[in-house]
Amino acid sequence: MFDLFGFFNSKPSTKSIAKERLKLVLVHDRTNCSPELLELLKEDILNSISEHVDYDPQNMDIKITRTRDDESGKPVLVASIPIKNMKR
């Protein structure tokens, strides 16, 4: 069904947000990745890159999701970390 008014709305619907969150919970469950492990991974990644760049911690996103290229949906770690500037 086409939602004419939703077409111009740039915010995702609560339904799509909830669906995405559920997918992430399932992926985390299937990969045996606890929230604690994900936090450790984030810390390690940030410690590694902080030697070389200044980053924006407010707008970063690190998560485990699934590949879309095949039926198995292999787990992948996706990091979106805005870089403020490079260190020399």
N, C-alpha and C. Protein backbone atom coordinates (compact mmCIF):
# COMPACT_ATOMS: atom_id res chain seq x y z
N MET A 1 0.85 -1.17 0.00
CA MET A 1 0.00 0.00 0.00
C MET A 1 0.89 1.23 0.00
N PHE A 2 0.55 2.22 -0.83
CA PHE A 2 1.33 3.44 -0.96
C PHE A 2 0.79 4.51 -0.02
N ASP A 3 1.67 5.05 0.77
CA ASP A 3 1.30 6.09 1.73
C ASP A 3 1.79 7.42 1.20
N LEU A 4 0.89 8.19 0.62
CA LEU A 4 1.27 9.46 0.00
C LEU A 4 1.90 10.41 0.99
N PHE A 5 1.35 10.50 2.19
CA PHE A 5 1.90 11.42 3.19
C PHE A 5 3.20 10.89 3.78
N GLY A 6 3.33 9.59 3.88
CA GLY A 6 4.57 9.00 4.37
C GLY A 6 5.72 9.12 3.37
N PHE A 7 5.38 9.34 2.09
CA PHE A 7 6.38 9.47 1.05
C PHE A 7 7.29 10.67 1.30
N PHE A 8 6.72 11.74 1.82
CA PHE A 8 7.48 12.96 2.06
C PHE A 8 8.10 13.01 3.44
N ASN A 9 7.78 12.06 4.27
CA ASN A 9 8.29 12.02 5.63
C ASN A 9 9.64 11.30 5.61
N SER A 10 10.71 11.98 6.07
CA SER A 10 12.05 11.38 6.03
C SER A 10 12.32 10.47 7.22
N LYS A 11 11.50 10.50 8.24
CA LYS A 11 11.70 9.66 9.42
C LYS A 11 11.16 8.26 9.15
N PRO A 12 11.91 7.23 9.58
CA PRO A 12 11.38 5.87 9.43
C PRO A 12 10.22 5.64 10.39
N SER A 13 9.32 4.77 9.99
CA SER A 13 8.16 4.48 10.83
C SER A 13 8.58 3.67 12.05
N THR A 14 7.78 3.72 13.09
CA THR A 14 8.08 2.95 14.30
C THR A 14 8.05 1.45 13.98
N LYS A 15 7.22 1.07 13.02
CA LYS A 15 7.15 -0.34 12.61
C LYS A 15 8.49 -0.78 12.01
N SER A 16 9.06 0.03 11.14
CA SER A 16 10.32 -0.34 10.51
C SER A 16 11.47 -0.32 11.52
N ILE A 17 11.43 0.60 12.47
CA ILE A 17 12.45 0.66 13.52
C ILE A 17 12.37 -0.60 14.39
N ALA A 18 11.16 -0.97 14.79
CA ALA A 18 10.98 -2.17 15.61
C ALA A 18 11.42 -3.42 14.87
N LYS A 19 11.11 -3.49 13.58
CA LYS A 19 11.49 -4.64 12.77
C LYS A 19 13.02 -4.74 12.69
N GLU A 20 13.69 -3.62 12.49
CA GLU A 20 15.15 -3.61 12.41
C GLU A 20 15.78 -4.01 13.75
N ARG A 21 15.22 -3.53 14.84
CA ARG A 21 15.72 -3.90 16.16
C ARG A 21 15.56 -5.40 16.41
N LEU A 22 14.43 -5.94 16.02
CA LEU A 22 14.20 -7.38 16.17
C LEU A 22 15.21 -8.18 15.36
N LYS A 23 15.49 -7.74 14.14
CA LYS A 23 16.50 -8.41 13.32
C LYS A 23 17.85 -8.41 14.02
N LEU A 24 18.23 -7.27 14.60
CA LEU A 24 19.51 -7.17 15.29
C LEU A 24 19.56 -8.09 16.51
N VAL A 25 18.47 -8.17 17.24
CA VAL A 25 18.41 -9.07 18.40
C VAL A 25 18.59 -10.51 17.96
N LEU A 26 17.93 -10.89 16.87
CA LEU A 26 18.05 -12.26 16.35
C LEU A 26 19.47 -12.56 15.88
N VAL A 27 20.09 -11.61 15.21
CA VAL A 27 21.46 -11.81 14.74
C VAL A 27 22.40 -11.96 15.93
N HIS A 28 22.25 -11.10 16.93
CA HIS A 28 23.09 -11.18 18.13
C HIS A 28 22.89 -12.53 18.81
N ASP A 29 21.66 -12.99 18.87
CA ASP A 29 21.36 -14.26 19.51
C ASP A 29 21.98 -15.42 18.74
N ARG A 30 21.86 -15.40 17.43
CA ARG A 30 22.37 -16.49 16.60
C ARG A 30 23.89 -16.52 16.54
N THR A 31 24.53 -15.37 16.72
CA THR A 31 26.00 -15.33 16.69
C THR A 31 26.61 -15.47 18.07
N ASN A 32 25.77 -15.61 19.08
CA ASN A 32 26.24 -15.69 20.47
C ASN A 32 27.06 -14.46 20.86
N CYS A 33 26.67 -13.32 20.35
CA CYS A 33 27.36 -12.08 20.67
C CYS A 33 26.55 -11.34 21.73
N SER A 34 27.06 -11.35 22.93
CA SER A 34 26.38 -10.67 24.02
C SER A 34 26.60 -9.17 23.91
N PRO A 35 25.77 -8.37 24.55
CA PRO A 35 26.00 -6.92 24.57
C PRO A 35 27.37 -6.57 25.15
N GLU A 36 27.84 -7.37 26.10
CA GLU A 36 29.15 -7.12 26.70
C GLU A 36 30.26 -7.33 25.68
N LEU A 37 30.14 -8.40 24.87
CA LEU A 37 31.14 -8.66 23.83
C LEU A 37 31.14 -7.55 22.79
N LEU A 38 29.95 -7.09 22.40
CA LEU A 38 29.86 -6.00 21.43
C LEU A 38 30.51 -4.74 21.99
N GLU A 39 30.32 -4.45 23.26
CA GLU A 39 30.96 -3.29 23.89
C GLU A 39 32.48 -3.43 23.88
N LEU A 40 32.99 -4.64 24.15
CA LEU A 40 34.43 -4.87 24.10
C LEU A 40 34.98 -4.66 22.69
N LEU A 41 34.24 -5.13 21.70
CA LEU A 41 34.65 -4.93 20.31
C LEU A 41 34.70 -3.44 19.98
N LYS A 42 33.66 -2.71 20.39
CA LYS A 42 33.62 -1.26 20.15
C LYS A 42 34.83 -0.57 20.78
N GLU A 43 35.11 -0.91 22.04
CA GLU A 43 36.24 -0.30 22.74
C GLU A 43 37.55 -0.59 22.02
N ASP A 44 37.75 -1.83 21.59
CA ASP A 44 38.97 -2.20 20.89
C ASP A 44 39.11 -1.44 19.57
N ILE A 45 38.02 -1.35 18.83
CA ILE A 45 38.05 -0.63 17.55
C ILE A 45 38.37 0.84 17.79
N LEU A 46 37.68 1.44 18.75
CA LEU A 46 37.89 2.87 19.02
C LEU A 46 39.29 3.15 19.56
N ASN A 47 39.82 2.26 20.39
CA ASN A 47 41.19 2.43 20.87
C ASN A 47 42.18 2.36 19.72
N SER A 48 41.94 1.47 18.79
CA SER A 48 42.84 1.31 17.64
C SER A 48 42.82 2.53 16.72
N ILE A 49 41.63 3.01 16.39
CA ILE A 49 41.58 4.12 15.45
C ILE A 49 41.91 5.46 16.09
N SER A 50 41.74 5.57 17.41
CA SER A 50 42.00 6.85 18.08
C SER A 50 43.48 7.23 18.03
N GLU A 51 44.35 6.27 17.75
CA GLU A 51 45.77 6.58 17.58
C GLU A 51 46.02 7.36 16.29
N HIS A 52 45.09 7.24 15.33
CA HIS A 52 45.30 7.81 14.00
C HIS A 52 44.32 8.91 13.61
N VAL A 53 43.14 8.92 14.24
CA VAL A 53 42.11 9.90 13.87
C VAL A 53 41.36 10.38 15.11
N ASP A 54 40.79 11.58 14.98
CA ASP A 54 39.82 12.06 15.95
C ASP A 54 38.45 11.75 15.37
N TYR A 55 37.58 11.15 16.17
CA TYR A 55 36.27 10.76 15.67
C TYR A 55 35.17 11.38 16.52
N ASP A 56 33.96 11.37 15.97
CA ASP A 56 32.79 11.94 16.63
C ASP A 56 32.02 10.82 17.34
N PRO A 57 32.18 10.69 18.66
CA PRO A 57 31.52 9.58 19.36
C PRO A 57 30.00 9.72 19.43
N GLN A 58 29.48 10.93 19.25
CA GLN A 58 28.03 11.14 19.33
C GLN A 58 27.29 10.56 18.13
N ASN A 59 27.95 10.50 16.98
CA ASN A 59 27.26 10.09 15.76
C ASN A 59 27.77 8.77 15.19
N MET A 60 28.45 7.99 16.00
CA MET A 60 28.96 6.71 15.50
C MET A 60 27.95 5.60 15.75
N ASP A 61 28.10 4.54 14.96
CA ASP A 61 27.22 3.40 15.08
C ASP A 61 28.03 2.14 14.77
N ILE A 62 28.11 1.23 15.73
CA ILE A 62 28.80 -0.04 15.53
C ILE A 62 27.81 -1.13 15.92
N LYS A 63 27.58 -2.05 14.98
CA LYS A 63 26.59 -3.10 15.24
C LYS A 63 26.95 -4.38 14.50
N ILE A 64 26.32 -5.45 14.89
CA ILE A 64 26.44 -6.71 14.18
C ILE A 64 25.13 -6.91 13.44
N THR A 65 25.25 -7.21 12.16
CA THR A 65 24.07 -7.42 11.33
C THR A 65 24.33 -8.63 10.43
N ARG A 66 23.52 -8.81 9.42
CA ARG A 66 23.69 -9.95 8.51
C ARG A 66 24.02 -9.47 7.11
N THR A 67 24.74 -10.33 6.36
CA THR A 67 24.98 -10.04 4.95
C THR A 67 23.67 -10.21 4.19
N ARG A 68 23.56 -9.53 3.10
CA ARG A 68 22.35 -9.63 2.28
C ARG A 68 22.61 -10.39 0.99
N ASP A 69 23.85 -10.83 0.80
CA ASP A 69 24.21 -11.43 -0.48
C ASP A 69 23.79 -12.87 -0.66
N ASP A 70 23.40 -13.53 0.39
CA ASP A 70 22.98 -14.92 0.24
C ASP A 70 21.92 -15.27 1.28
N GLU A 71 21.42 -16.49 1.19
CA GLU A 71 20.35 -16.94 2.08
C GLU A 71 20.81 -17.15 3.52
N SER A 72 22.10 -17.45 3.71
CA SER A 72 22.57 -17.79 5.06
C SER A 72 22.64 -16.57 5.97
N GLY A 73 22.80 -15.39 5.41
CA GLY A 73 22.86 -14.18 6.23
C GLY A 73 23.99 -14.22 7.24
N LYS A 74 25.21 -14.37 6.75
CA LYS A 74 26.37 -14.44 7.64
C LYS A 74 26.48 -13.17 8.47
N PRO A 75 26.90 -13.30 9.73
CA PRO A 75 27.04 -12.10 10.57
C PRO A 75 28.22 -11.25 10.12
N VAL A 76 28.03 -9.92 10.16
CA VAL A 76 29.08 -8.97 9.83
C VAL A 76 29.07 -7.86 10.88
N LEU A 77 30.24 -7.33 11.14
CA LEU A 77 30.38 -6.19 12.04
C LEU A 77 30.42 -4.95 11.16
N VAL A 78 29.50 -4.01 11.40
CA VAL A 78 29.41 -2.80 10.61
C VAL A 78 29.72 -1.61 11.52
N ALA A 79 30.67 -0.80 11.10
CA ALA A 79 31.05 0.37 11.90
C ALA A 79 30.94 1.63 11.04
N SER A 80 30.18 2.57 11.53
CA SER A 80 30.07 3.88 10.91
C SER A 80 30.58 4.89 11.94
N ILE A 81 31.81 5.38 11.72
CA ILE A 81 32.46 6.25 12.70
C ILE A 81 32.89 7.53 11.99
N PRO A 82 32.17 8.63 12.21
CA PRO A 82 32.53 9.89 11.57
C PRO A 82 33.90 10.38 12.04
N ILE A 83 34.76 10.67 11.09
CA ILE A 83 36.12 11.14 11.40
C ILE A 83 36.15 12.66 11.35
N LYS A 84 36.62 13.27 12.44
CA LYS A 84 36.74 14.73 12.50
C LYS A 84 37.99 15.19 11.77
N ASN A 85 39.12 14.55 12.09
CA ASN A 85 40.37 14.86 11.37
C ASN A 85 41.38 13.76 11.60
N MET A 86 42.39 13.77 10.72
CA MET A 86 43.45 12.77 10.79
C MET A 86 44.58 13.30 11.67
N LYS A 87 45.17 12.40 12.45
CA LYS A 87 46.32 12.77 13.26
C LYS A 87 47.59 12.50 12.46
N ARG A 88 48.60 13.24 12.75
CA ARG A 88 49.87 13.04 12.02
C ARG A 88 50.90 12.45 12.91
